[in-house]
Amino acid sequence: MSVRRWIGICLALMLLCMVANQAANAATFASFSASRHNRFLGDDTLNPDFWLDHSLLTGVAVQRAVLISPQHYVTATHTGMINPTFVAADGTRHTYTGESSTVLQTTLQNDFLHSDGTTLLAGTVHSSDLLLVKLDAPIPEIDGIMPMPVLGGGYFDMLGRSMIVQGQNSQFGSDTIDFTQTVELNTGAITESVIYRWDHPLGGGGMDELTLVGGDSGEGSFIEFDGQYVFTGTNMGIATDSETGQKFSFNNFVSPYVSLVAAEVAADGHSITVVAVPEPSMVLALVTTLSCGWARRRTKRSRSRAPATRTEPSSAKPRANMVLGDRS
């Protein structure tokens, strides 16, 4: 894929949760099933037919927060701090108060061509779209809310791997990671991201496949490994290829920030559990990469003087050369 064509793929909308009472959007799933994909029933009790294990999701808030220590959760920077509600395995809800937050910092591994034409040098530090929030007190163990383990691993470890994705209204689906990239947001953030294509109805993806829409930002994503769900990042944005019409979803990728998170959490007297997930089958990774075609040139962190990819928040006005995705 040429540089010019890649610039034509515009990250449309940061998936900012602007409307608290936004209706569920089942059209984001390849084959939506309320009994399968909704974590909760209409009365807010746990859905007994949900496809995931409720007991492994107590650290995943009803919306926009993933607990990683007894006193810290992660969300997207552009959605901001909230007072999150978590649900124990017995269905009991607990709401806690956010006290302070820290924007995680991205250290560039290669030179990065900024959208304004300047070059951000390797080794420079920039604010990301991952926000670490400290609660005003640790969550008591008796509440039954367990922190999620955090993924530790490299970029190529993610290729071809299935990722569980939480959408708004506590709906959960999944998709296959196609490639990874350092992404520039027009909030000024420079953030690391994993990216997955909407394959339905192109002949793939399966019944749980979903594509992100406005309102999904800040929700968590996970890898299922060794009998647990491992936190990989938070929903961030969507893009449309202006030539092919294919849609892509972008999630913040937490692994490059694990050491920063661990240090911040340790300063408050806590620790995180880091899980190093082994690399998936090289054959599977190769097939996935080839299926994306042009993605082969995008599977590393920002290359030397690579063009920046900018994300358009939902509150911003699009530039003339942008192709906006669906708004909801």
C-alpha atoms as a PDB file:
ATOM      1  CA  MET A   1       0.000   0.000   0.000  1.00  0.00           C
ATOM      2  CA  SER A   2       1.388   3.408  -0.944  1.00  0.00           C
ATOM      3  CA  VAL A   3       1.993   6.103   1.643  1.00  0.00           C
ATOM      4  CA  ARG A   4      -0.594   8.286  -0.089  1.00  0.00           C
ATOM      5  CA  ARG A   5      -3.231   5.571   0.109  1.00  0.00           C
ATOM      6  CA  TRP A   6      -2.492   4.922   3.787  1.00  0.00           C
ATOM      7  CA  ILE A   7      -3.023   8.611   4.523  1.00  0.00           C
ATOM      8  CA  GLY A   8      -6.423   8.150   2.865  1.00  0.00           C
ATOM      9  CA  ILE A   9      -7.412   5.753   5.654  1.00  0.00           C
ATOM     10  CA  CYS A  10      -8.624   8.237   8.203  1.00  0.00           C
ATOM     11  CA  LEU A  11      -9.271   7.365  11.794  1.00  0.00           C
ATOM     12  CA  ALA A  12     -12.799   8.622  12.002  1.00  0.00           C
ATOM     13  CA  LEU A  13     -14.028   9.572  15.434  1.00  0.00           C
ATOM     14  CA  MET A  14     -12.462   8.740  18.657  1.00  0.00           C
ATOM     15  CA  LEU A  15     -15.171   6.575  20.119  1.00  0.00           C
ATOM     16  CA  LEU A  16     -16.042   9.155  22.751  1.00  0.00           C
ATOM     17  CA  CYS A  17     -18.927   8.204  25.037  1.00  0.00           C
ATOM     18  CA  MET A  18     -20.885  11.424  24.673  1.00  0.00           C
ATOM     19  CA  VAL A  19     -24.433  10.178  25.180  1.00  0.00           C
ATOM     20  CA  ALA A  20     -25.040   8.307  28.414  1.00  0.00           C
ATOM     21  CA  ASN A  21     -28.325   6.774  27.273  1.00  0.00           C
ATOM     22  CA  GLN A  22     -27.140   5.688  23.825  1.00  0.00           C
ATOM     23  CA  ALA A  23     -29.096   2.638  22.635  1.00  0.00           C
ATOM     24  CA  ALA A  24     -27.423  -0.694  22.086  1.00  0.00           C
ATOM     25  CA  ASN A  25     -26.181  -1.055  18.526  1.00  0.00           C
ATOM     26  CA  ALA A  26     -26.505  -4.714  17.592  1.00  0.00           C
ATOM     27  CA  ALA A  27     -25.498  -3.908  14.014  1.00  0.00           C
ATOM     28  CA  THR A  28     -21.876  -3.740  15.177  1.00  0.00           C
ATOM     29  CA  PHE A  29     -21.866  -7.542  15.467  1.00  0.00           C
ATOM     30  CA  ALA A  30     -21.641  -9.970  12.587  1.00  0.00           C
ATOM     31  CA  SER A  31     -24.448 -11.976  14.189  1.00  0.00           C
ATOM     32  CA  PHE A  32     -25.743 -10.271  17.321  1.00  0.00           C
ATOM     33  CA  SER A  33     -27.436 -12.398  19.974  1.00  0.00           C
ATOM     34  CA  ALA A  34     -28.646 -10.717  23.150  1.00  0.00           C
ATOM     35  CA  SER A  35     -28.531 -14.013  25.030  1.00  0.00           C
ATOM     36  CA  ARG A  36     -24.922 -14.609  23.987  1.00  0.00           C
ATOM     37  CA  HIS A  37     -23.332 -11.142  23.819  1.00  0.00           C
ATOM     38  CA  ASN A  38     -25.016  -9.184  26.633  1.00  0.00           C
ATOM     39  CA  ARG A  39     -23.214  -9.496  29.956  1.00  0.00           C
ATOM     40  CA  PHE A  40     -26.351  -8.450  31.854  1.00  0.00           C
ATOM     41  CA  LEU A  41     -30.076  -8.989  31.506  1.00  0.00           C
ATOM     42  CA  GLY A  42     -32.557  -6.120  31.334  1.00  0.00           C
ATOM     43  CA  ASP A  43     -32.837  -6.016  35.126  1.00  0.00           C
ATOM     44  CA  ASP A  44     -29.008  -5.698  35.458  1.00  0.00           C
ATOM     45  CA  THR A  45     -28.587  -9.235  36.789  1.00  0.00           C
ATOM     46  CA  LEU A  46     -25.907 -11.499  35.305  1.00  0.00           C
ATOM     47  CA  ASN A  47     -26.903 -13.162  32.038  1.00  0.00           C
ATOM     48  CA  PRO A  48     -26.707 -16.969  32.567  1.00  0.00           C
ATOM     49  CA  ASP A  49     -26.277 -17.577  28.826  1.00  0.00           C
ATOM     50  CA  PHE A  50     -23.388 -15.114  28.381  1.00  0.00           C
ATOM     51  CA  TRP A  51     -20.552 -16.657  26.355  1.00  0.00           C
ATOM     52  CA  LEU A  52     -17.800 -15.532  28.758  1.00  0.00           C
ATOM     53  CA  ASP A  53     -17.088 -16.522  32.373  1.00  0.00           C
ATOM     54  CA  HIS A  54     -18.584 -13.937  34.754  1.00  0.00           C
ATOM     55  CA  SER A  55     -16.212 -14.947  37.542  1.00  0.00           C
ATOM     56  CA  LEU A  56     -13.226 -13.866  35.431  1.00  0.00           C
ATOM     57  CA  LEU A  57     -14.687 -10.429  34.643  1.00  0.00           C
ATOM     58  CA  THR A  58     -15.220  -8.935  38.092  1.00  0.00           C
ATOM     59  CA  GLY A  59     -12.395  -6.471  37.412  1.00  0.00           C
ATOM     60  CA  VAL A  60     -14.103  -5.213  34.243  1.00  0.00           C
ATOM     61  CA  ALA A  61     -16.427  -2.323  35.044  1.00  0.00           C
ATOM     62  CA  VAL A  62     -19.940  -1.937  33.710  1.00  0.00           C
ATOM     63  CA  GLN A  63     -18.423   0.794  31.552  1.00  0.00           C
ATOM     64  CA  ARG A  64     -15.017   2.290  30.683  1.00  0.00           C
ATOM     65  CA  ALA A  65     -12.726   0.919  33.397  1.00  0.00           C
ATOM     66  CA  VAL A  66     -10.535  -2.161  33.867  1.00  0.00           C
ATOM     67  CA  LEU A  67      -9.175  -2.776  37.369  1.00  0.00           C
ATOM     68  CA  ILE A  68      -5.497  -3.807  37.442  1.00  0.00           C
ATOM     69  CA  SER A  69      -4.726  -3.407  41.163  1.00  0.00           C
ATOM     70  CA  PRO A  70      -6.932  -3.059  44.247  1.00  0.00           C
ATOM     71  CA  GLN A  71      -6.730   0.729  43.794  1.00  0.00           C
ATOM     72  CA  HIS A  72      -6.080   1.389  40.071  1.00  0.00           C
ATOM     73  CA  TYR A  73      -7.987   1.065  36.833  1.00  0.00           C
ATOM     74  CA  VAL A  74      -7.175   1.873  33.199  1.00  0.00           C
ATOM     75  CA  THR A  75      -9.330   3.645  30.618  1.00  0.00           C
ATOM     76  CA  ALA A  76      -8.809   5.806  27.515  1.00  0.00           C
ATOM     77  CA  THR A  77      -7.364   9.266  28.137  1.00  0.00           C
ATOM     78  CA  HIS A  78      -9.907  10.972  25.906  1.00  0.00           C
ATOM     79  CA  THR A  79     -12.858   9.527  27.861  1.00  0.00           C
ATOM     80  CA  GLY A  80     -11.504  10.682  31.223  1.00  0.00           C
ATOM     81  CA  MET A  81     -11.862   9.529  34.811  1.00  0.00           C
ATOM     82  CA  ILE A  82     -15.146   8.119  36.129  1.00  0.00           C
ATOM     83  CA  ASN A  83     -16.462   6.548  39.333  1.00  0.00           C
ATOM     84  CA  PRO A  84     -16.634   2.961  38.071  1.00  0.00           C
ATOM     85  CA  THR A  85     -19.119   0.242  38.968  1.00  0.00           C
ATOM     86  CA  PHE A  86     -17.832  -3.337  39.164  1.00  0.00           C
ATOM     87  CA  VAL A  87     -19.884  -6.516  39.517  1.00  0.00           C
ATOM     88  CA  ALA A  88     -18.910  -9.447  41.735  1.00  0.00           C
ATOM     89  CA  ALA A  89     -19.377 -13.051  40.613  1.00  0.00           C
ATOM     90  CA  ASP A  90     -22.613 -13.228  42.621  1.00  0.00           C
ATOM     91  CA  GLY A  91     -24.017 -10.219  40.740  1.00  0.00           C
ATOM     92  CA  THR A  92     -23.516  -7.672  43.547  1.00  0.00           C
ATOM     93  CA  ARG A  93     -22.620  -4.193  42.226  1.00  0.00           C
ATOM     94  CA  HIS A  94     -20.015  -1.955  43.845  1.00  0.00           C
ATOM     95  CA  THR A  95     -19.258   1.649  42.841  1.00  0.00           C
ATOM     96  CA  TYR A  96     -15.980   3.324  43.779  1.00  0.00           C
ATOM     97  CA  THR A  97     -14.646   6.886  43.596  1.00  0.00           C
ATOM     98  CA  GLY A  98     -11.828   7.962  41.305  1.00  0.00           C
ATOM     99  CA  GLU A  99      -9.351  10.244  43.062  1.00  0.00           C
ATOM    100  CA  SER A 100      -6.591  11.136  40.584  1.00  0.00           C
ATOM    101  CA  SER A 101      -5.268  10.113  37.185  1.00  0.00           C
ATOM    102  CA  THR A 102      -2.012   9.807  35.265  1.00  0.00           C
ATOM    103  CA  VAL A 103      -1.647   9.869  31.478  1.00  0.00           C
ATOM    104  CA  LEU A 104       0.781   7.131  30.448  1.00  0.00           C
ATOM    105  CA  GLN A 105       3.684   8.303  28.307  1.00  0.00           C
ATOM    106  CA  THR A 106       4.805   6.895  24.943  1.00  0.00           C
ATOM    107  CA  THR A 107       8.546   6.671  24.259  1.00  0.00           C
ATOM    108  CA  LEU A 108       9.080   6.488  20.502  1.00  0.00           C
ATOM    109  CA  GLN A 109      11.286   3.625  19.347  1.00  0.00           C
ATOM    110  CA  ASN A 110      11.833   5.189  15.894  1.00  0.00           C
ATOM    111  CA  ASP A 111      11.568   8.625  14.337  1.00  0.00           C
ATOM    112  CA  PHE A 112       7.917   9.492  13.709  1.00  0.00           C
ATOM    113  CA  LEU A 113       6.672  11.918  11.074  1.00  0.00           C
ATOM    114  CA  HIS A 114       4.098  14.136  12.758  1.00  0.00           C
ATOM    115  CA  SER A 115       1.029  15.283  10.827  1.00  0.00           C
ATOM    116  CA  ASP A 116       2.353  18.857  10.820  1.00  0.00           C
ATOM    117  CA  GLY A 117       5.393  17.733   8.847  1.00  0.00           C
ATOM    118  CA  THR A 118       7.886  17.792  11.700  1.00  0.00           C
ATOM    119  CA  THR A 119       9.746  14.707  12.850  1.00  0.00           C
ATOM    120  CA  LEU A 120       9.384  13.418  16.383  1.00  0.00           C
ATOM    121  CA  LEU A 121      12.707  11.798  17.204  1.00  0.00           C
ATOM    122  CA  ALA A 122      13.195   8.296  18.542  1.00  0.00           C
ATOM    123  CA  GLY A 123      13.563   8.412  22.306  1.00  0.00           C
ATOM    124  CA  THR A 124      11.268  11.398  22.768  1.00  0.00           C
ATOM    125  CA  VAL A 125       8.323  11.067  25.142  1.00  0.00           C
ATOM    126  CA  HIS A 126       4.694  11.936  24.364  1.00  0.00           C
ATOM    127  CA  SER A 127       1.337  11.561  26.111  1.00  0.00           C
ATOM    128  CA  SER A 128      -0.667   8.474  25.117  1.00  0.00           C
ATOM    129  CA  ASP A 129      -4.384   7.683  25.068  1.00  0.00           C
ATOM    130  CA  LEU A 130      -4.066   5.361  28.081  1.00  0.00           C
ATOM    131  CA  LEU A 131      -5.136   6.782  31.426  1.00  0.00           C
ATOM    132  CA  LEU A 132      -4.260   5.197  34.783  1.00  0.00           C
ATOM    133  CA  VAL A 133      -6.744   6.169  37.491  1.00  0.00           C
ATOM    134  CA  LYS A 134      -6.253   5.847  41.249  1.00  0.00           C
ATOM    135  CA  LEU A 135      -9.309   5.206  43.436  1.00  0.00           C
ATOM    136  CA  ASP A 136      -9.674   7.076  46.714  1.00  0.00           C
ATOM    137  CA  ALA A 137      -9.191   3.797  48.624  1.00  0.00           C
ATOM    138  CA  PRO A 138      -8.269   0.185  47.851  1.00  0.00           C
ATOM    139  CA  ILE A 139     -11.182  -2.121  47.060  1.00  0.00           C
ATOM    140  CA  PRO A 140     -11.790  -4.450  50.017  1.00  0.00           C
ATOM    141  CA  GLU A 141     -11.162  -8.108  49.219  1.00  0.00           C
ATOM    142  CA  ILE A 142     -14.549  -8.965  50.704  1.00  0.00           C
ATOM    143  CA  ASP A 143     -16.242  -7.115  47.792  1.00  0.00           C
ATOM    144  CA  GLY A 144     -15.173  -9.923  45.469  1.00  0.00           C
ATOM    145  CA  ILE A 145     -13.770  -7.616  42.779  1.00  0.00           C
ATOM    146  CA  MET A 146     -10.514  -9.054  41.423  1.00  0.00           C
ATOM    147  CA  PRO A 147      -7.938  -7.034  39.440  1.00  0.00           C
ATOM    148  CA  MET A 148      -7.281  -8.227  35.898  1.00  0.00           C
ATOM    149  CA  PRO A 149      -3.837  -9.556  34.876  1.00  0.00           C
ATOM    150  CA  VAL A 150      -2.046  -7.314  32.371  1.00  0.00           C
ATOM    151  CA  LEU A 151      -0.526  -8.465  29.094  1.00  0.00           C
ATOM    152  CA  GLY A 152       3.235  -8.359  28.740  1.00  0.00           C
ATOM    153  CA  GLY A 153       4.529  -9.078  25.254  1.00  0.00           C
ATOM    154  CA  GLY A 154       5.696  -7.622  21.960  1.00  0.00           C
ATOM    155  CA  TYR A 155       3.995  -6.323  18.865  1.00  0.00           C
ATOM    156  CA  PHE A 156       4.451  -9.427  16.745  1.00  0.00           C
ATOM    157  CA  ASP A 157       3.061 -11.545  19.594  1.00  0.00           C
ATOM    158  CA  MET A 158      -0.348 -10.026  18.830  1.00  0.00           C
ATOM    159  CA  LEU A 159      -0.605 -10.841  15.120  1.00  0.00           C
ATOM    160  CA  GLY A 160      -3.313 -13.380  14.305  1.00  0.00           C
ATOM    161  CA  ARG A 161      -4.488 -13.562  17.894  1.00  0.00           C
ATOM    162  CA  SER A 162      -8.178 -13.453  18.813  1.00  0.00           C
ATOM    163  CA  MET A 163      -9.047 -10.573  21.131  1.00  0.00           C
ATOM    164  CA  ILE A 164     -12.154 -10.206  23.283  1.00  0.00           C
ATOM    165  CA  VAL A 165     -13.591  -6.693  23.016  1.00  0.00           C
ATOM    166  CA  GLN A 166     -16.070  -4.989  25.329  1.00  0.00           C
ATOM    167  CA  GLY A 167     -18.483  -2.557  23.712  1.00  0.00           C
ATOM    168  CA  GLN A 168     -20.871  -0.083  25.264  1.00  0.00           C
ATOM    169  CA  ASN A 169     -23.831  -1.425  27.249  1.00  0.00           C
ATOM    170  CA  SER A 170     -21.593  -4.302  28.408  1.00  0.00           C
ATOM    171  CA  GLN A 171     -21.822  -6.191  25.123  1.00  0.00           C
ATOM    172  CA  PHE A 172     -18.838  -8.434  24.351  1.00  0.00           C
ATOM    173  CA  GLY A 173     -17.574  -9.744  21.017  1.00  0.00           C
ATOM    174  CA  SER A 174     -14.218 -10.630  19.505  1.00  0.00           C
ATOM    175  CA  ASP A 175     -11.999 -10.079  16.487  1.00  0.00           C
ATOM    176  CA  THR A 176      -8.617 -11.109  15.099  1.00  0.00           C
ATOM    177  CA  ILE A 177      -5.716  -8.661  15.363  1.00  0.00           C
ATOM    178  CA  ASP A 178      -4.381  -7.843  11.898  1.00  0.00           C
ATOM    179  CA  PHE A 179      -1.510  -5.461  12.631  1.00  0.00           C
ATOM    180  CA  THR A 180      -0.017  -2.943  15.052  1.00  0.00           C
ATOM    181  CA  GLN A 181       1.002   0.679  14.723  1.00  0.00           C
ATOM    182  CA  THR A 182       1.980   3.842  16.536  1.00  0.00           C
ATOM    183  CA  VAL A 183      -0.949   6.229  16.027  1.00  0.00           C
ATOM    184  CA  GLU A 184      -1.281   9.999  16.296  1.00  0.00           C
ATOM    185  CA  LEU A 185      -4.535  11.346  17.706  1.00  0.00           C
ATOM    186  CA  ASN A 186      -5.650  14.905  17.004  1.00  0.00           C
ATOM    187  CA  THR A 187      -5.930  15.372  20.748  1.00  0.00           C
ATOM    188  CA  GLY A 188      -2.123  15.502  20.525  1.00  0.00           C
ATOM    189  CA  ALA A 189      -1.650  11.989  21.900  1.00  0.00           C
ATOM    190  CA  ILE A 190       0.858   9.593  20.345  1.00  0.00           C
ATOM    191  CA  THR A 191      -0.243   6.104  21.311  1.00  0.00           C
ATOM    192  CA  GLU A 192       0.524   2.452  20.582  1.00  0.00           C
ATOM    193  CA  SER A 193      -2.316   0.511  19.000  1.00  0.00           C
ATOM    194  CA  VAL A 194      -3.512  -2.895  17.828  1.00  0.00           C
ATOM    195  CA  ILE A 195      -5.800  -2.855  14.793  1.00  0.00           C
ATOM    196  CA  TYR A 196      -8.418  -5.290  13.500  1.00  0.00           C
ATOM    197  CA  ARG A 197     -10.464  -5.345  10.282  1.00  0.00           C
ATOM    198  CA  TRP A 198     -14.228  -5.809  10.031  1.00  0.00           C
ATOM    199  CA  ASP A 199     -14.387  -8.998   7.944  1.00  0.00           C
ATOM    200  CA  HIS A 200     -18.166  -9.424   7.881  1.00  0.00           C
ATOM    201  CA  PRO A 201     -19.659  -9.837   5.298  1.00  0.00           C
ATOM    202  CA  LEU A 202     -16.374 -10.453   3.474  1.00  0.00           C
ATOM    203  CA  GLY A 203     -16.452 -14.106   4.423  1.00  0.00           C
ATOM    204  CA  GLY A 204     -14.819 -14.227   7.826  1.00  0.00           C
ATOM    205  CA  GLY A 205     -14.897 -13.079  11.399  1.00  0.00           C
ATOM    206  CA  GLY A 206     -17.408 -15.483  12.906  1.00  0.00           C
ATOM    207  CA  MET A 207     -20.587 -14.809  14.858  1.00  0.00           C
ATOM    208  CA  ASP A 208     -18.815 -12.868  17.635  1.00  0.00           C
ATOM    209  CA  GLU A 209     -17.011 -10.427  15.337  1.00  0.00           C
ATOM    210  CA  LEU A 210     -17.715  -6.778  16.015  1.00  0.00           C
ATOM    211  CA  THR A 211     -16.619  -3.386  14.760  1.00  0.00           C
ATOM    212  CA  LEU A 212     -16.394  -0.379  17.086  1.00  0.00           C
ATOM    213  CA  VAL A 213     -18.766   2.588  16.887  1.00  0.00           C
ATOM    214  CA  GLY A 214     -19.106   5.913  18.681  1.00  0.00           C
ATOM    215  CA  GLY A 215     -19.656   5.301  22.385  1.00  0.00           C
ATOM    216  CA  ASP A 216     -17.275   2.323  22.676  1.00  0.00           C
ATOM    217  CA  SER A 217     -14.182   4.285  23.769  1.00  0.00           C
ATOM    218  CA  GLY A 218     -12.487   3.382  27.025  1.00  0.00           C
ATOM    219  CA  GLU A 219     -13.978  -0.115  27.235  1.00  0.00           C
ATOM    220  CA  GLY A 220     -11.507  -2.946  27.716  1.00  0.00           C
ATOM    221  CA  SER A 221     -10.065  -5.636  25.459  1.00  0.00           C
ATOM    222  CA  PHE A 222      -8.587  -8.970  26.505  1.00  0.00           C
ATOM    223  CA  ILE A 223      -6.740 -12.093  25.437  1.00  0.00           C
ATOM    224  CA  GLU A 224      -7.991 -15.433  26.766  1.00  0.00           C
ATOM    225  CA  PHE A 225      -4.985 -17.391  27.987  1.00  0.00           C
ATOM    226  CA  ASP A 226      -4.328 -20.164  30.483  1.00  0.00           C
ATOM    227  CA  GLY A 227      -7.773 -20.022  32.069  1.00  0.00           C
ATOM    228  CA  GLN A 228      -7.930 -16.257  32.500  1.00  0.00           C
ATOM    229  CA  TYR A 229      -8.753 -13.074  30.613  1.00  0.00           C
ATOM    230  CA  VAL A 230      -5.650 -10.907  30.251  1.00  0.00           C
ATOM    231  CA  PHE A 231      -6.047  -7.143  29.794  1.00  0.00           C
ATOM    232  CA  THR A 232      -4.609  -5.913  26.469  1.00  0.00           C
ATOM    233  CA  GLY A 233      -5.869  -2.322  26.200  1.00  0.00           C
ATOM    234  CA  THR A 234      -8.860  -0.046  25.633  1.00  0.00           C
ATOM    235  CA  ASN A 235     -11.042   0.879  22.659  1.00  0.00           C
ATOM    236  CA  MET A 236      -9.814   4.013  20.905  1.00  0.00           C
ATOM    237  CA  GLY A 237     -10.979   4.699  17.322  1.00  0.00           C
ATOM    238  CA  ILE A 238     -12.211   3.523  13.916  1.00  0.00           C
ATOM    239  CA  ALA A 239     -11.051   4.001  10.335  1.00  0.00           C
ATOM    240  CA  THR A 240     -12.325   3.505   6.801  1.00  0.00           C
ATOM    241  CA  ASP A 241     -10.103   2.792   3.805  1.00  0.00           C
ATOM    242  CA  SER A 242     -11.231   5.461   1.336  1.00  0.00           C
ATOM    243  CA  GLU A 243     -10.424   3.214  -1.660  1.00  0.00           C
ATOM    244  CA  THR A 244     -11.757  -0.176  -0.544  1.00  0.00           C
ATOM    245  CA  GLY A 245     -14.373   0.878   2.003  1.00  0.00           C
ATOM    246  CA  GLN A 246     -12.997  -1.627   4.519  1.00  0.00           C
ATOM    247  CA  LYS A 247     -13.456  -0.697   8.175  1.00  0.00           C
ATOM    248  CA  PHE A 248     -10.827  -0.995  10.882  1.00  0.00           C
ATOM    249  CA  SER A 249     -11.032  -0.668  14.671  1.00  0.00           C
ATOM    250  CA  PHE A 250      -8.148   0.650  16.787  1.00  0.00           C
ATOM    251  CA  ASN A 251      -7.421  -0.224  20.421  1.00  0.00           C
ATOM    252  CA  ASN A 252      -4.798   1.195  22.731  1.00  0.00           C
ATOM    253  CA  PHE A 253      -2.133  -1.455  23.391  1.00  0.00           C
ATOM    254  CA  VAL A 254      -1.062  -1.697  27.042  1.00  0.00           C
ATOM    255  CA  SER A 255       2.058  -3.906  26.770  1.00  0.00           C
ATOM    256  CA  PRO A 256       4.536  -1.120  25.892  1.00  0.00           C
ATOM    257  CA  TYR A 257       3.401   0.721  29.032  1.00  0.00           C
ATOM    258  CA  VAL A 258       3.609  -2.155  31.537  1.00  0.00           C
ATOM    259  CA  SER A 259       6.769  -0.913  33.266  1.00  0.00           C
ATOM    260  CA  LEU A 260       5.268   2.574  33.652  1.00  0.00           C
ATOM    261  CA  VAL A 261       2.055   1.147  35.057  1.00  0.00           C
ATOM    262  CA  ALA A 262       3.941  -1.108  37.465  1.00  0.00           C
ATOM    263  CA  ALA A 263       6.000   1.812  38.768  1.00  0.00           C
ATOM    264  CA  GLU A 264       2.956   4.039  39.307  1.00  0.00           C
ATOM    265  CA  VAL A 265       1.046   1.278  41.062  1.00  0.00           C
ATOM    266  CA  ALA A 266       4.051   0.370  43.234  1.00  0.00           C
ATOM    267  CA  ALA A 267       4.339   3.964  44.407  1.00  0.00           C
ATOM    268  CA  ASP A 268       0.893   3.525  45.977  1.00  0.00           C
ATOM    269  CA  GLY A 269       1.865   0.276  47.678  1.00  0.00           C
ATOM    270  CA  HIS A 270       0.305  -2.156  45.179  1.00  0.00           C
ATOM    271  CA  SER A 271       1.440  -4.407  42.349  1.00  0.00           C
ATOM    272  CA  ILE A 272       0.089  -5.730  39.061  1.00  0.00           C
ATOM    273  CA  THR A 273       0.084  -9.248  37.674  1.00  0.00           C
ATOM    274  CA  VAL A 274       1.837  -9.369  34.283  1.00  0.00           C
ATOM    275  CA  VAL A 275       1.199 -12.328  31.993  1.00  0.00           C
ATOM    276  CA  ALA A 276       3.623 -12.938  29.124  1.00  0.00           C
ATOM    277  CA  VAL A 277       1.507 -14.598  26.444  1.00  0.00           C
ATOM    278  CA  PRO A 278       3.620 -16.674  24.043  1.00  0.00           C
ATOM    279  CA  GLU A 279       3.725 -15.852  20.359  1.00  0.00           C
ATOM    280  CA  PRO A 280       0.930 -17.470  18.310  1.00  0.00           C
ATOM    281  CA  SER A 281       1.656 -19.897  15.482  1.00  0.00           C
ATOM    282  CA  MET A 282       4.040 -18.379  12.943  1.00  0.00           C
ATOM    283  CA  VAL A 283       1.896 -19.906  10.192  1.00  0.00           C
ATOM    284  CA  LEU A 284      -1.212 -18.232  11.557  1.00  0.00           C
ATOM    285  CA  ALA A 285       0.606 -14.922  11.881  1.00  0.00           C
ATOM    286  CA  LEU A 286       1.812 -15.178   8.294  1.00  0.00           C
ATOM    287  CA  VAL A 287      -1.650 -15.996   6.950  1.00  0.00           C
ATOM    288  CA  THR A 288      -3.162 -13.106   8.885  1.00  0.00           C
ATOM    289  CA  THR A 289      -0.523 -10.700   7.631  1.00  0.00           C
ATOM    290  CA  LEU A 290      -0.918 -11.797   4.029  1.00  0.00           C
ATOM    291  CA  SER A 291      -4.695 -11.511   4.276  1.00  0.00           C
ATOM    292  CA  CYS A 292      -4.257  -7.836   5.039  1.00  0.00           C
ATOM    293  CA  GLY A 293      -1.869  -7.341   2.117  1.00  0.00           C
ATOM    294  CA  TRP A 294      -0.617  -3.858   2.821  1.00  0.00           C
ATOM    295  CA  ALA A 295      -0.571  -4.595   6.560  1.00  0.00           C
ATOM    296  CA  ARG A 296       2.808  -6.272   6.123  1.00  0.00           C
ATOM    297  CA  ARG A 297       4.385  -2.845   5.986  1.00  0.00           C
ATOM    298  CA  ARG A 298       2.652  -1.714   9.158  1.00  0.00           C
ATOM    299  CA  THR A 299       3.454  -4.463  11.688  1.00  0.00           C
ATOM    300  CA  LYS A 300       6.185  -2.645  13.568  1.00  0.00           C
ATOM    301  CA  ARG A 301       6.232   0.433  15.687  1.00  0.00           C
ATOM    302  CA  SER A 302       6.409   3.671  13.733  1.00  0.00           C
ATOM    303  CA  ARG A 303       9.107   3.295  11.111  1.00  0.00           C
ATOM    304  CA  SER A 304      11.758   5.903  10.523  1.00  0.00           C
ATOM    305  CA  ARG A 305       9.992   8.986   9.160  1.00  0.00           C
ATOM    306  CA  ALA A 306       6.791   7.016   8.664  1.00  0.00           C
ATOM    307  CA  PRO A 307       3.647   9.076   8.008  1.00  0.00           C
ATOM    308  CA  ALA A 308       1.502   9.803  11.016  1.00  0.00           C
ATOM    309  CA  THR A 309      -2.003   8.436  11.274  1.00  0.00           C
ATOM    310  CA  ARG A 310      -4.334  10.882  12.989  1.00  0.00           C
ATOM    311  CA  THR A 311      -7.508  10.116  14.861  1.00  0.00           C
ATOM    312  CA  GLU A 312     -10.467  12.461  14.706  1.00  0.00           C
ATOM    313  CA  PRO A 313     -12.365  12.801  17.996  1.00  0.00           C
ATOM    314  CA  SER A 314     -16.121  12.821  17.685  1.00  0.00           C
ATOM    315  CA  SER A 315     -16.309  16.459  18.789  1.00  0.00           C
ATOM    316  CA  ALA A 316     -13.899  17.713  16.124  1.00  0.00           C
ATOM    317  CA  LYS A 317     -14.689  18.960  12.634  1.00  0.00           C
ATOM    318  CA  PRO A 318     -13.331  16.746   9.851  1.00  0.00           C
ATOM    319  CA  ARG A 319     -10.711  18.018   7.446  1.00  0.00           C
ATOM    320  CA  ALA A 320     -11.619  18.122   3.757  1.00  0.00           C
ATOM    321  CA  ASN A 321      -9.401  15.108   2.975  1.00  0.00           C
ATOM    322  CA  MET A 322     -10.859  12.919   5.707  1.00  0.00           C
ATOM    323  CA  VAL A 323     -13.308  10.087   5.102  1.00  0.00           C
ATOM    324  CA  LEU A 324     -15.386   9.736   8.236  1.00  0.00           C
ATOM    325  CA  GLY A 325     -16.714   6.415   9.415  1.00  0.00           C
ATOM    326  CA  ASP A 326     -20.180   5.772  10.762  1.00  0.00           C
ATOM    327  CA  ARG A 327     -21.248   7.960  13.638  1.00  0.00           C
ATOM    328  CA  SER A 328     -23.616   6.721  16.318  1.00  0.00           C
END
